[in-house]
């Protein structure tokens, strides 16, 4: 699966899918916290399981979401993505002034 980056592309019919999801939700954020649905207006559509983690562009994997919840969710997904990236370690070099 592609990760987010410059090569990420949504399907050609994304505008139609986006409108379908927003209409399906009545343009209300679909995030539920402590059993209460967010009352904010949804202006964005989000992948429930993001594409980088194996999610698809199917309507069943798309949800209407408000800007604050989308920012919070995207930040958490980015952190998980960074955690999956192996970090390159360099051997420590002696300080040049301590020969």
N, C-alpha and C. Protein backbone atom coordinates (compact mmCIF):
# COMPACT_ATOMS: atom_id res chain seq x y z
N UNK A 1 0.84 -1.19 0.00
CA UNK A 1 0.00 0.00 0.00
C UNK A 1 0.88 1.24 0.00
N UNK A 2 0.48 2.24 -0.74
CA UNK A 2 1.28 3.47 -0.73
C UNK A 2 1.11 4.23 0.57
N UNK A 3 2.19 4.83 1.00
CA UNK A 3 2.12 5.69 2.18
C UNK A 3 1.84 7.12 1.71
N UNK A 4 1.48 7.97 2.64
CA UNK A 4 1.25 9.36 2.28
C UNK A 4 2.52 9.96 1.77
N UNK A 5 2.43 10.78 0.77
CA UNK A 5 3.58 11.44 0.20
C UNK A 5 3.21 11.99 -1.16
N UNK A 6 4.21 12.29 -1.93
CA UNK A 6 3.95 12.92 -3.22
C UNK A 6 3.33 11.95 -4.22
N UNK A 7 3.47 10.65 -4.02
CA UNK A 7 2.94 9.68 -4.97
C UNK A 7 1.53 9.22 -4.63
N UNK A 8 0.97 9.70 -3.52
CA UNK A 8 -0.37 9.28 -3.10
C UNK A 8 -1.41 9.91 -4.02
N UNK A 9 -2.34 9.09 -4.50
CA UNK A 9 -3.39 9.58 -5.37
C UNK A 9 -4.73 9.00 -4.94
N UNK A 10 -5.75 9.83 -4.99
CA UNK A 10 -7.09 9.34 -4.72
C UNK A 10 -7.69 8.88 -6.04
N UNK A 11 -8.75 8.08 -5.99
CA UNK A 11 -9.38 7.62 -7.23
C UNK A 11 -9.93 8.79 -8.05
N UNK A 12 -10.09 8.56 -9.33
CA UNK A 12 -10.60 9.60 -10.23
C UNK A 12 -11.98 10.10 -9.82
N UNK A 13 -12.77 9.21 -9.24
CA UNK A 13 -14.12 9.61 -8.86
C UNK A 13 -14.19 10.12 -7.41
N UNK A 14 -13.06 10.59 -6.87
CA UNK A 14 -13.03 11.06 -5.49
C UNK A 14 -14.06 12.15 -5.21
N UNK A 15 -14.24 13.15 -6.07
CA UNK A 15 -15.26 14.17 -5.78
C UNK A 15 -16.65 13.56 -5.58
N UNK A 16 -16.99 12.55 -6.37
CA UNK A 16 -18.29 11.89 -6.22
C UNK A 16 -18.35 11.14 -4.88
N UNK A 17 -17.28 10.39 -4.55
CA UNK A 17 -17.24 9.64 -3.29
C UNK A 17 -17.34 10.61 -2.11
N UNK A 18 -16.60 11.71 -2.18
CA UNK A 18 -16.59 12.69 -1.10
C UNK A 18 -18.00 13.24 -0.88
N UNK A 19 -18.66 13.64 -1.96
CA UNK A 19 -20.02 14.18 -1.85
C UNK A 19 -20.99 13.13 -1.31
N UNK A 20 -20.84 11.90 -1.74
CA UNK A 20 -21.70 10.81 -1.25
C UNK A 20 -21.56 10.64 0.26
N UNK A 21 -20.32 10.66 0.75
CA UNK A 21 -20.07 10.48 2.19
C UNK A 21 -20.62 11.66 2.98
N UNK A 22 -20.39 12.88 2.49
CA UNK A 22 -20.89 14.06 3.20
C UNK A 22 -22.42 14.07 3.24
N UNK A 23 -23.07 13.71 2.13
CA UNK A 23 -24.53 13.65 2.11
C UNK A 23 -25.05 12.55 3.03
N UNK A 24 -24.37 11.40 3.02
CA UNK A 24 -24.77 10.27 3.85
C UNK A 24 -24.78 10.65 5.33
N UNK A 25 -23.84 11.49 5.73
CA UNK A 25 -23.72 11.87 7.15
C UNK A 25 -24.54 13.11 7.49
N UNK A 26 -25.19 13.69 6.49
CA UNK A 26 -25.92 14.94 6.72
C UNK A 26 -24.97 16.09 7.01
N UNK A 27 -23.76 15.99 6.51
CA UNK A 27 -22.71 17.00 6.71
C UNK A 27 -22.39 17.21 8.18
N UNK A 28 -22.56 16.14 8.99
CA UNK A 28 -22.20 16.20 10.41
C UNK A 28 -21.03 15.26 10.65
N UNK A 29 -20.09 15.71 11.47
CA UNK A 29 -18.93 14.89 11.82
C UNK A 29 -19.40 13.55 12.39
N UNK A 30 -18.79 12.48 11.93
CA UNK A 30 -19.18 11.13 12.36
C UNK A 30 -18.36 10.60 13.53
N UNK A 31 -17.46 11.41 14.08
CA UNK A 31 -16.66 10.97 15.22
C UNK A 31 -17.54 10.90 16.46
N UNK A 32 -17.42 9.79 17.19
CA UNK A 32 -18.18 9.59 18.42
C UNK A 32 -17.19 9.53 19.58
N UNK A 33 -17.38 10.40 20.57
CA UNK A 33 -16.53 10.42 21.76
C UNK A 33 -17.41 10.20 22.99
N UNK A 34 -17.07 9.20 23.77
CA UNK A 34 -17.84 8.86 24.97
C UNK A 34 -19.33 8.67 24.67
N UNK A 35 -19.62 8.05 23.53
CA UNK A 35 -21.00 7.76 23.15
C UNK A 35 -21.77 8.93 22.57
N UNK A 36 -21.10 10.07 22.39
CA UNK A 36 -21.78 11.26 21.86
C UNK A 36 -21.16 11.63 20.52
N UNK A 37 -22.01 11.78 19.52
CA UNK A 37 -21.53 12.15 18.19
C UNK A 37 -21.16 13.62 18.16
N UNK A 38 -20.05 13.93 17.53
CA UNK A 38 -19.57 15.30 17.41
C UNK A 38 -20.63 16.15 16.70
N UNK A 39 -20.96 17.32 17.23
CA UNK A 39 -21.98 18.17 16.62
C UNK A 39 -21.45 19.07 15.50
N UNK A 40 -20.14 19.05 15.26
CA UNK A 40 -19.54 19.96 14.27
C UNK A 40 -19.94 19.60 12.84
N UNK A 41 -19.89 20.60 12.00
CA UNK A 41 -20.13 20.41 10.57
C UNK A 41 -18.93 19.68 9.98
N UNK A 42 -19.20 18.65 9.20
CA UNK A 42 -18.13 17.91 8.52
C UNK A 42 -17.87 18.55 7.17
N UNK A 43 -16.62 18.92 6.94
CA UNK A 43 -16.24 19.49 5.66
C UNK A 43 -15.20 18.64 4.96
N UNK A 44 -14.74 17.58 5.64
CA UNK A 44 -13.71 16.72 5.07
C UNK A 44 -14.16 15.27 5.14
N UNK A 45 -13.53 14.45 4.30
CA UNK A 45 -13.81 13.02 4.30
C UNK A 45 -12.50 12.31 4.61
N UNK A 46 -12.56 11.37 5.54
CA UNK A 46 -11.37 10.69 6.02
C UNK A 46 -11.51 9.18 5.84
N UNK A 47 -10.36 8.53 5.64
CA UNK A 47 -10.34 7.07 5.60
C UNK A 47 -10.38 6.57 7.05
N UNK A 48 -11.30 5.72 7.38
CA UNK A 48 -11.41 5.17 8.73
C UNK A 48 -10.13 4.40 9.05
N UNK A 49 -9.75 3.50 8.17
CA UNK A 49 -8.43 2.85 8.23
C UNK A 49 -7.64 3.47 7.10
N UNK A 50 -6.57 4.19 7.43
CA UNK A 50 -5.88 4.92 6.37
C UNK A 50 -5.22 3.98 5.37
N UNK A 51 -5.00 4.49 4.20
CA UNK A 51 -4.48 3.70 3.09
C UNK A 51 -3.11 3.12 3.42
N UNK A 52 -2.27 3.89 4.11
CA UNK A 52 -0.93 3.41 4.46
C UNK A 52 -0.97 2.23 5.41
N UNK A 53 -2.09 2.05 6.12
CA UNK A 53 -2.23 0.95 7.05
C UNK A 53 -3.13 -0.15 6.51
N UNK A 54 -3.40 -0.12 5.21
CA UNK A 54 -4.16 -1.19 4.57
C UNK A 54 -5.60 -0.87 4.25
N UNK A 55 -6.04 0.35 4.50
CA UNK A 55 -7.41 0.74 4.20
C UNK A 55 -7.64 0.96 2.71
N UNK A 56 -8.89 1.03 2.34
CA UNK A 56 -9.24 1.21 0.93
C UNK A 56 -10.02 2.51 0.74
N UNK A 57 -10.35 2.79 -0.50
CA UNK A 57 -11.15 3.96 -0.83
C UNK A 57 -12.64 3.63 -0.91
N UNK A 58 -13.03 2.44 -0.46
CA UNK A 58 -14.43 2.04 -0.49
C UNK A 58 -15.26 2.97 0.39
N UNK A 59 -16.50 3.19 0.01
CA UNK A 59 -17.38 4.05 0.79
C UNK A 59 -17.53 3.56 2.23
N UNK A 60 -17.42 2.26 2.43
CA UNK A 60 -17.53 1.71 3.79
C UNK A 60 -16.34 2.08 4.67
N UNK A 61 -15.25 2.54 4.06
CA UNK A 61 -14.05 2.94 4.81
C UNK A 61 -13.88 4.46 4.85
N UNK A 62 -14.90 5.19 4.45
CA UNK A 62 -14.83 6.65 4.43
C UNK A 62 -15.83 7.23 5.41
N UNK A 63 -15.42 8.29 6.11
CA UNK A 63 -16.30 8.94 7.07
C UNK A 63 -16.20 10.45 6.94
N UNK A 64 -17.32 11.13 7.14
CA UNK A 64 -17.34 12.58 7.18
C UNK A 64 -16.73 13.01 8.51
N UNK A 65 -15.91 14.05 8.49
CA UNK A 65 -15.19 14.44 9.70
C UNK A 65 -14.97 15.94 9.71
N UNK A 66 -14.99 16.52 10.91
CA UNK A 66 -14.76 17.97 11.04
C UNK A 66 -13.25 18.23 11.02
N UNK A 67 -12.88 19.48 10.81
CA UNK A 67 -11.47 19.83 10.71
C UNK A 67 -10.69 19.50 11.99
N UNK A 68 -11.18 19.85 13.20
CA UNK A 68 -10.39 19.52 14.40
C UNK A 68 -10.17 18.02 14.60
N UNK A 69 -11.20 17.22 14.38
CA UNK A 69 -11.03 15.77 14.54
C UNK A 69 -10.12 15.20 13.46
N UNK A 70 -10.21 15.74 12.24
CA UNK A 70 -9.34 15.25 11.17
C UNK A 70 -7.89 15.56 11.48
N UNK A 71 -7.62 16.76 12.01
CA UNK A 71 -6.24 17.13 12.36
C UNK A 71 -5.70 16.22 13.45
N UNK A 72 -6.51 15.94 14.46
CA UNK A 72 -6.09 15.07 15.56
C UNK A 72 -5.79 13.66 15.06
N UNK A 73 -6.69 13.13 14.24
CA UNK A 73 -6.53 11.76 13.72
C UNK A 73 -5.32 11.68 12.80
N UNK A 74 -5.15 12.66 11.93
CA UNK A 74 -4.01 12.66 11.00
C UNK A 74 -2.69 12.75 11.74
N UNK A 75 -2.65 13.54 12.81
CA UNK A 75 -1.43 13.67 13.61
C UNK A 75 -1.06 12.33 14.24
N UNK A 76 -2.04 11.61 14.76
CA UNK A 76 -1.80 10.29 15.36
C UNK A 76 -1.33 9.29 14.30
N UNK A 77 -1.94 9.32 13.12
CA UNK A 77 -1.54 8.41 12.04
C UNK A 77 -0.11 8.71 11.59
N UNK A 78 0.24 9.98 11.51
CA UNK A 78 1.60 10.35 11.10
C UNK A 78 2.62 9.85 12.12
N UNK A 79 2.28 9.96 13.40
CA UNK A 79 3.18 9.48 14.45
C UNK A 79 3.38 7.97 14.33
N UNK A 80 2.30 7.23 14.07
CA UNK A 80 2.43 5.78 13.88
C UNK A 80 3.30 5.47 12.66
N UNK A 81 3.12 6.25 11.60
CA UNK A 81 3.92 6.04 10.39
C UNK A 81 5.40 6.29 10.64
N UNK A 82 5.70 7.35 11.40
CA UNK A 82 7.10 7.63 11.73
C UNK A 82 7.69 6.52 12.60
N UNK A 83 6.89 5.97 13.49
CA UNK A 83 7.36 4.90 14.37
C UNK A 83 7.68 3.63 13.58
N UNK A 84 6.99 3.43 12.47
CA UNK A 84 7.26 2.24 11.64
C UNK A 84 8.54 2.38 10.83
N UNK A 85 8.99 3.60 10.60
CA UNK A 85 10.19 3.84 9.79
C UNK A 85 11.43 3.46 10.60
N UNK A 86 12.27 2.59 10.07
CA UNK A 86 13.50 2.27 10.81
C UNK A 86 14.43 3.48 10.82
N UNK A 87 15.03 3.73 11.96
CA UNK A 87 15.97 4.85 12.07
C UNK A 87 17.38 4.32 11.84
N UNK A 88 18.13 5.08 11.06
CA UNK A 88 19.51 4.72 10.80
C UNK A 88 20.38 5.22 11.94
N UNK A 89 21.19 4.34 12.48
CA UNK A 89 22.08 4.76 13.57
C UNK A 89 23.50 4.83 13.04
N UNK A 90 24.18 5.88 13.44
CA UNK A 90 25.59 6.02 13.09
C UNK A 90 26.42 5.70 14.32
N UNK A 91 27.59 5.10 14.09
CA UNK A 91 28.51 4.89 15.19
C UNK A 91 29.01 6.25 15.67
N UNK A 92 29.14 6.39 16.98
CA UNK A 92 29.61 7.68 17.49
C UNK A 92 31.04 7.95 17.03
N UNK A 93 31.29 9.20 16.70
CA UNK A 93 32.63 9.60 16.27
C UNK A 93 33.32 10.29 17.43
N UNK A 94 34.63 10.08 17.58
CA UNK A 94 35.31 10.79 18.66
C UNK A 94 35.34 12.28 18.38
N UNK A 95 35.26 13.05 19.42
CA UNK A 95 35.30 14.51 19.29
C UNK A 95 36.66 14.91 18.70
N UNK A 96 36.67 15.78 17.68
CA UNK A 96 37.95 16.12 17.03
C UNK A 96 38.94 16.82 17.98
N UNK A 97 38.46 17.47 19.02
CA UNK A 97 39.37 18.16 19.93
C UNK A 97 39.90 17.26 21.04
N UNK A 98 39.48 16.00 21.08
CA UNK A 98 39.90 15.10 22.15
C UNK A 98 40.79 13.98 21.64
N UNK A 99 41.77 14.30 20.81
CA UNK A 99 42.64 13.25 20.25
C UNK A 99 43.72 12.85 21.20
